[in-house]
């Protein structure tokens, strides 16, 4: 039962991450959504292939394979921070700040 719960929480977490990313694309150029969608498609394929290569071809244990691949989320976080700091977002004059709702 706990395995199913873990899969459900991972799926919900992934969905929230995708929604958040799509919301942030409105601050960048028009090609951002197509780049993001291409990246998510490639990530699924490359993630599965890299795990398979580590466990099948190189005979690395599944636990060690996951630990080896943990550098990818760190790189993603660093790249996100660098893009936000660089100020490459586009100013959208047609957007207007909405006041606080109490």
N, C-alpha and C. Protein backbone atom coordinates (compact mmCIF):
# COMPACT_ATOMS: atom_id res chain seq x y z
N UNK A 1 0.82 -1.20 0.00
CA UNK A 1 0.00 0.00 0.00
C UNK A 1 0.86 1.26 0.00
N UNK A 2 1.96 1.24 0.76
CA UNK A 2 2.80 2.44 0.84
C UNK A 2 3.48 2.74 -0.50
N UNK A 3 3.73 1.70 -1.30
CA UNK A 3 4.32 1.93 -2.63
C UNK A 3 3.35 2.71 -3.51
N UNK A 4 2.08 2.34 -3.45
CA UNK A 4 1.07 3.04 -4.25
C UNK A 4 0.91 4.48 -3.79
N UNK A 5 0.99 4.68 -2.50
CA UNK A 5 0.89 6.03 -1.96
C UNK A 5 2.08 6.87 -2.42
N UNK A 6 3.26 6.26 -2.44
CA UNK A 6 4.45 6.96 -2.92
C UNK A 6 4.34 7.35 -4.38
N UNK A 7 3.81 6.45 -5.20
CA UNK A 7 3.60 6.74 -6.63
C UNK A 7 2.58 7.86 -6.79
N UNK A 8 1.52 7.83 -5.99
CA UNK A 8 0.50 8.88 -6.08
C UNK A 8 1.08 10.24 -5.70
N UNK A 9 1.85 10.29 -4.61
CA UNK A 9 2.45 11.56 -4.20
C UNK A 9 3.46 12.07 -5.23
N UNK A 10 4.23 11.17 -5.83
CA UNK A 10 5.18 11.58 -6.87
C UNK A 10 4.45 12.14 -8.08
N UNK A 11 3.34 11.54 -8.44
CA UNK A 11 2.55 12.02 -9.57
C UNK A 11 1.95 13.40 -9.29
N UNK A 12 1.42 13.58 -8.09
CA UNK A 12 0.86 14.87 -7.71
C UNK A 12 1.95 15.94 -7.70
N UNK A 13 3.10 15.60 -7.16
CA UNK A 13 4.22 16.54 -7.12
C UNK A 13 4.66 16.93 -8.52
N UNK A 14 4.73 15.97 -9.40
CA UNK A 14 5.11 16.24 -10.79
C UNK A 14 4.10 17.16 -11.46
N UNK A 15 2.83 16.91 -11.22
CA UNK A 15 1.79 17.76 -11.79
C UNK A 15 1.88 19.20 -11.32
N UNK A 16 2.13 19.39 -10.02
CA UNK A 16 2.29 20.75 -9.50
C UNK A 16 3.52 21.43 -10.10
N UNK A 17 4.59 20.66 -10.30
CA UNK A 17 5.79 21.23 -10.91
C UNK A 17 5.54 21.68 -12.34
N UNK A 18 4.78 20.89 -13.09
CA UNK A 18 4.47 21.27 -14.46
C UNK A 18 3.57 22.50 -14.52
N UNK A 19 2.60 22.57 -13.65
CA UNK A 19 1.71 23.73 -13.62
C UNK A 19 2.49 24.99 -13.28
N UNK A 20 3.39 24.88 -12.30
CA UNK A 20 4.20 26.03 -11.91
C UNK A 20 5.08 26.48 -13.06
N UNK A 21 5.70 25.54 -13.75
CA UNK A 21 6.57 25.89 -14.87
C UNK A 21 5.78 26.57 -15.98
N UNK A 22 4.61 26.04 -16.29
CA UNK A 22 3.80 26.65 -17.34
C UNK A 22 3.36 28.06 -16.97
N UNK A 23 3.10 28.31 -15.69
CA UNK A 23 2.75 29.66 -15.27
C UNK A 23 3.94 30.61 -15.46
N UNK A 24 5.13 30.13 -15.17
CA UNK A 24 6.31 30.99 -15.29
C UNK A 24 6.68 31.28 -16.74
N UNK A 25 6.23 30.46 -17.69
CA UNK A 25 6.60 30.69 -19.09
C UNK A 25 5.99 31.98 -19.64
N UNK A 26 4.99 32.51 -19.00
CA UNK A 26 4.39 33.75 -19.50
C UNK A 26 5.34 34.93 -19.36
N UNK A 27 6.38 34.81 -18.56
CA UNK A 27 7.34 35.89 -18.37
C UNK A 27 8.52 35.81 -19.33
N UNK A 28 8.56 34.79 -20.18
CA UNK A 28 9.69 34.59 -21.08
C UNK A 28 9.21 34.63 -22.53
N UNK A 29 10.11 34.40 -23.46
CA UNK A 29 9.77 34.50 -24.88
C UNK A 29 8.78 33.42 -25.29
N UNK A 30 8.23 33.58 -26.48
CA UNK A 30 7.19 32.67 -26.96
C UNK A 30 7.71 31.25 -27.21
N UNK A 31 9.00 31.08 -27.42
CA UNK A 31 9.54 29.75 -27.69
C UNK A 31 9.77 28.94 -26.41
N UNK A 32 9.50 29.53 -25.25
CA UNK A 32 9.75 28.85 -23.99
C UNK A 32 8.89 27.60 -23.82
N UNK A 33 7.63 27.67 -24.19
CA UNK A 33 6.74 26.52 -24.02
C UNK A 33 7.17 25.36 -24.90
N UNK A 34 7.54 25.64 -26.15
CA UNK A 34 7.97 24.55 -27.03
C UNK A 34 9.29 23.96 -26.57
N UNK A 35 10.19 24.79 -26.04
CA UNK A 35 11.45 24.27 -25.50
C UNK A 35 11.19 23.41 -24.27
N UNK A 36 10.28 23.85 -23.43
CA UNK A 36 9.93 23.09 -22.23
C UNK A 36 9.32 21.74 -22.59
N UNK A 37 8.40 21.74 -23.55
CA UNK A 37 7.75 20.48 -23.92
C UNK A 37 8.73 19.52 -24.57
N UNK A 38 9.66 20.03 -25.36
CA UNK A 38 10.69 19.17 -25.94
C UNK A 38 11.59 18.60 -24.86
N UNK A 39 11.90 19.43 -23.88
CA UNK A 39 12.75 18.97 -22.78
C UNK A 39 12.10 17.91 -21.93
N UNK A 40 10.80 18.03 -21.68
CA UNK A 40 10.13 17.01 -20.87
C UNK A 40 10.04 15.69 -21.63
N UNK A 41 9.84 15.75 -22.93
CA UNK A 41 9.83 14.52 -23.72
C UNK A 41 11.19 13.84 -23.73
N UNK A 42 12.23 14.62 -23.91
CA UNK A 42 13.58 14.07 -23.91
C UNK A 42 13.98 13.56 -22.53
N UNK A 43 13.50 14.22 -21.49
CA UNK A 43 13.85 13.81 -20.13
C UNK A 43 13.31 12.42 -19.82
N UNK A 44 12.11 12.14 -20.25
CA UNK A 44 11.55 10.81 -20.01
C UNK A 44 12.35 9.73 -20.72
N UNK A 45 12.70 9.98 -21.95
CA UNK A 45 13.46 9.01 -22.73
C UNK A 45 14.89 8.85 -22.20
N UNK A 46 15.57 9.97 -22.00
CA UNK A 46 16.97 9.91 -21.54
C UNK A 46 17.08 9.41 -20.11
N UNK A 47 16.12 9.74 -19.26
CA UNK A 47 16.14 9.24 -17.89
C UNK A 47 16.02 7.73 -17.85
N UNK A 48 15.07 7.19 -18.61
CA UNK A 48 14.89 5.75 -18.65
C UNK A 48 16.10 5.05 -19.26
N UNK A 49 16.64 5.62 -20.33
CA UNK A 49 17.81 5.01 -20.97
C UNK A 49 19.05 5.05 -20.09
N UNK A 50 19.25 6.15 -19.39
CA UNK A 50 20.44 6.24 -18.53
C UNK A 50 20.34 5.27 -17.36
N UNK A 51 19.17 5.13 -16.77
CA UNK A 51 18.99 4.17 -15.68
C UNK A 51 19.19 2.74 -16.19
N UNK A 52 18.63 2.45 -17.36
CA UNK A 52 18.78 1.12 -17.93
C UNK A 52 20.23 0.82 -18.25
N UNK A 53 20.95 1.81 -18.79
CA UNK A 53 22.36 1.61 -19.11
C UNK A 53 23.18 1.36 -17.85
N UNK A 54 22.89 2.10 -16.80
CA UNK A 54 23.64 1.90 -15.56
C UNK A 54 23.38 0.53 -14.95
N UNK A 55 22.12 0.13 -14.92
CA UNK A 55 21.79 -1.13 -14.25
C UNK A 55 22.05 -2.36 -15.12
N UNK A 56 21.82 -2.27 -16.42
CA UNK A 56 21.96 -3.44 -17.29
C UNK A 56 23.36 -3.57 -17.89
N UNK A 57 23.82 -2.52 -18.50
CA UNK A 57 25.10 -2.60 -19.19
C UNK A 57 26.30 -2.51 -18.24
N UNK A 58 26.22 -1.61 -17.27
CA UNK A 58 27.35 -1.41 -16.36
C UNK A 58 27.21 -2.20 -15.06
N UNK A 59 26.07 -2.89 -14.88
CA UNK A 59 25.81 -3.73 -13.71
C UNK A 59 25.97 -2.99 -12.38
N UNK A 60 25.47 -1.75 -12.36
CA UNK A 60 25.46 -0.95 -11.13
C UNK A 60 24.15 -1.25 -10.41
N UNK A 61 24.17 -1.29 -9.11
CA UNK A 61 22.94 -1.60 -8.36
C UNK A 61 21.92 -0.46 -8.56
N UNK A 62 20.63 -0.76 -8.45
CA UNK A 62 19.62 0.29 -8.60
C UNK A 62 19.80 1.44 -7.62
N UNK A 63 20.16 1.14 -6.38
CA UNK A 63 20.38 2.20 -5.38
C UNK A 63 21.52 3.11 -5.79
N UNK A 64 22.62 2.54 -6.24
CA UNK A 64 23.77 3.34 -6.66
C UNK A 64 23.44 4.12 -7.93
N UNK A 65 22.66 3.53 -8.82
CA UNK A 65 22.27 4.24 -10.05
C UNK A 65 21.48 5.50 -9.72
N UNK A 66 20.53 5.37 -8.80
CA UNK A 66 19.74 6.54 -8.40
C UNK A 66 20.64 7.59 -7.75
N UNK A 67 21.56 7.16 -6.92
CA UNK A 67 22.48 8.11 -6.28
C UNK A 67 23.36 8.81 -7.31
N UNK A 68 23.78 8.09 -8.33
CA UNK A 68 24.59 8.70 -9.39
C UNK A 68 23.79 9.76 -10.14
N UNK A 69 22.51 9.48 -10.39
CA UNK A 69 21.67 10.39 -11.17
C UNK A 69 21.10 11.55 -10.36
N UNK A 70 21.42 11.64 -9.09
CA UNK A 70 20.90 12.73 -8.25
C UNK A 70 21.50 14.10 -8.58
N UNK A 71 22.55 14.14 -9.37
CA UNK A 71 23.12 15.44 -9.72
C UNK A 71 22.22 16.22 -10.67
N UNK A 72 21.33 15.54 -11.37
CA UNK A 72 20.47 16.21 -12.36
C UNK A 72 19.51 17.22 -11.72
N UNK A 73 18.80 16.88 -10.63
CA UNK A 73 17.95 17.91 -10.00
C UNK A 73 18.74 19.10 -9.47
N UNK A 74 19.97 18.87 -9.03
CA UNK A 74 20.81 19.97 -8.55
C UNK A 74 21.14 20.91 -9.72
N UNK A 75 21.47 20.34 -10.86
CA UNK A 75 21.77 21.16 -12.05
C UNK A 75 20.52 21.92 -12.49
N UNK A 76 19.35 21.29 -12.41
CA UNK A 76 18.11 21.97 -12.78
C UNK A 76 17.84 23.17 -11.87
N UNK A 77 18.03 22.98 -10.58
CA UNK A 77 17.81 24.09 -9.63
C UNK A 77 18.80 25.22 -9.88
N UNK A 78 20.05 24.88 -10.13
CA UNK A 78 21.05 25.92 -10.38
C UNK A 78 20.75 26.67 -11.68
N UNK A 79 20.33 25.97 -12.72
CA UNK A 79 20.03 26.65 -13.98
C UNK A 79 18.81 27.54 -13.84
N UNK A 80 17.81 27.11 -13.08
CA UNK A 80 16.62 27.94 -12.85
C UNK A 80 17.01 29.23 -12.13
N UNK A 81 17.83 29.11 -11.11
CA UNK A 81 18.27 30.29 -10.35
C UNK A 81 19.07 31.22 -11.24
N UNK A 82 19.94 30.67 -12.08
CA UNK A 82 20.77 31.52 -12.95
C UNK A 82 19.92 32.26 -13.98
N UNK A 83 18.89 31.61 -14.51
CA UNK A 83 18.02 32.27 -15.49
C UNK A 83 17.24 33.39 -14.81
N UNK A 84 16.74 33.14 -13.61
CA UNK A 84 15.98 34.18 -12.90
C UNK A 84 16.86 35.35 -12.51
N UNK A 85 18.11 35.09 -12.11
CA UNK A 85 19.01 36.16 -11.71
C UNK A 85 19.45 36.99 -12.91
N UNK A 86 19.60 36.34 -14.07
CA UNK A 86 20.11 37.04 -15.24
C UNK A 86 19.12 38.09 -15.76
N UNK A 87 17.88 38.02 -15.31
CA UNK A 87 16.90 39.03 -15.72
C UNK A 87 16.49 38.90 -17.16
N UNK A 88 16.50 37.69 -17.69
CA UNK A 88 16.16 37.49 -19.09
C UNK A 88 14.65 37.45 -19.32
N UNK A 89 13.90 37.72 -18.29
CA UNK A 89 12.45 37.70 -18.47
C UNK A 89 12.03 38.91 -19.28
N UNK A 90 10.93 38.76 -19.94
CA UNK A 90 10.41 39.83 -20.80
C UNK A 90 9.41 40.66 -20.00
N UNK A 91 9.55 41.96 -20.07
CA UNK A 91 8.56 42.82 -19.41
C UNK A 91 7.30 42.83 -20.26
N UNK A 92 6.22 42.51 -19.66
CA UNK A 92 4.93 42.48 -20.36
C UNK A 92 4.11 43.67 -19.89
N UNK A 93 4.05 44.74 -20.69
CA UNK A 93 3.30 45.92 -20.26
C UNK A 93 1.81 45.67 -20.15
N UNK A 94 1.30 44.62 -20.81
CA UNK A 94 -0.12 44.35 -20.74
C UNK A 94 -0.51 43.61 -19.46
N UNK A 95 0.48 43.21 -18.64
CA UNK A 95 0.18 42.57 -17.36
C UNK A 95 0.11 43.64 -16.30
N UNK A 96 -0.75 43.45 -15.36
CA UNK A 96 -0.95 44.43 -14.31
C UNK A 96 -0.97 43.70 -12.97
N UNK A 97 -0.33 44.28 -11.98
CA UNK A 97 -0.28 43.67 -10.66
C UNK A 97 -1.65 43.70 -10.02
N UNK A 98 -2.05 42.57 -9.48
CA UNK A 98 -3.33 42.47 -8.81
C UNK A 98 -3.11 42.69 -7.32
N UNK A 99 -3.96 43.49 -6.70
CA UNK A 99 -3.83 43.78 -5.28
C UNK A 99 -4.08 42.54 -4.43
N UNK A 100 -3.72 42.63 -3.16
CA UNK A 100 -3.92 41.51 -2.24
C UNK A 100 -5.40 41.29 -2.00
N UNK A 101 -5.75 40.04 -1.92
CA UNK A 101 -7.13 39.67 -1.61
C UNK A 101 -7.13 39.20 -0.16
N UNK A 102 -7.96 39.80 0.64
CA UNK A 102 -7.98 39.46 2.07
C UNK A 102 -9.04 38.41 2.34
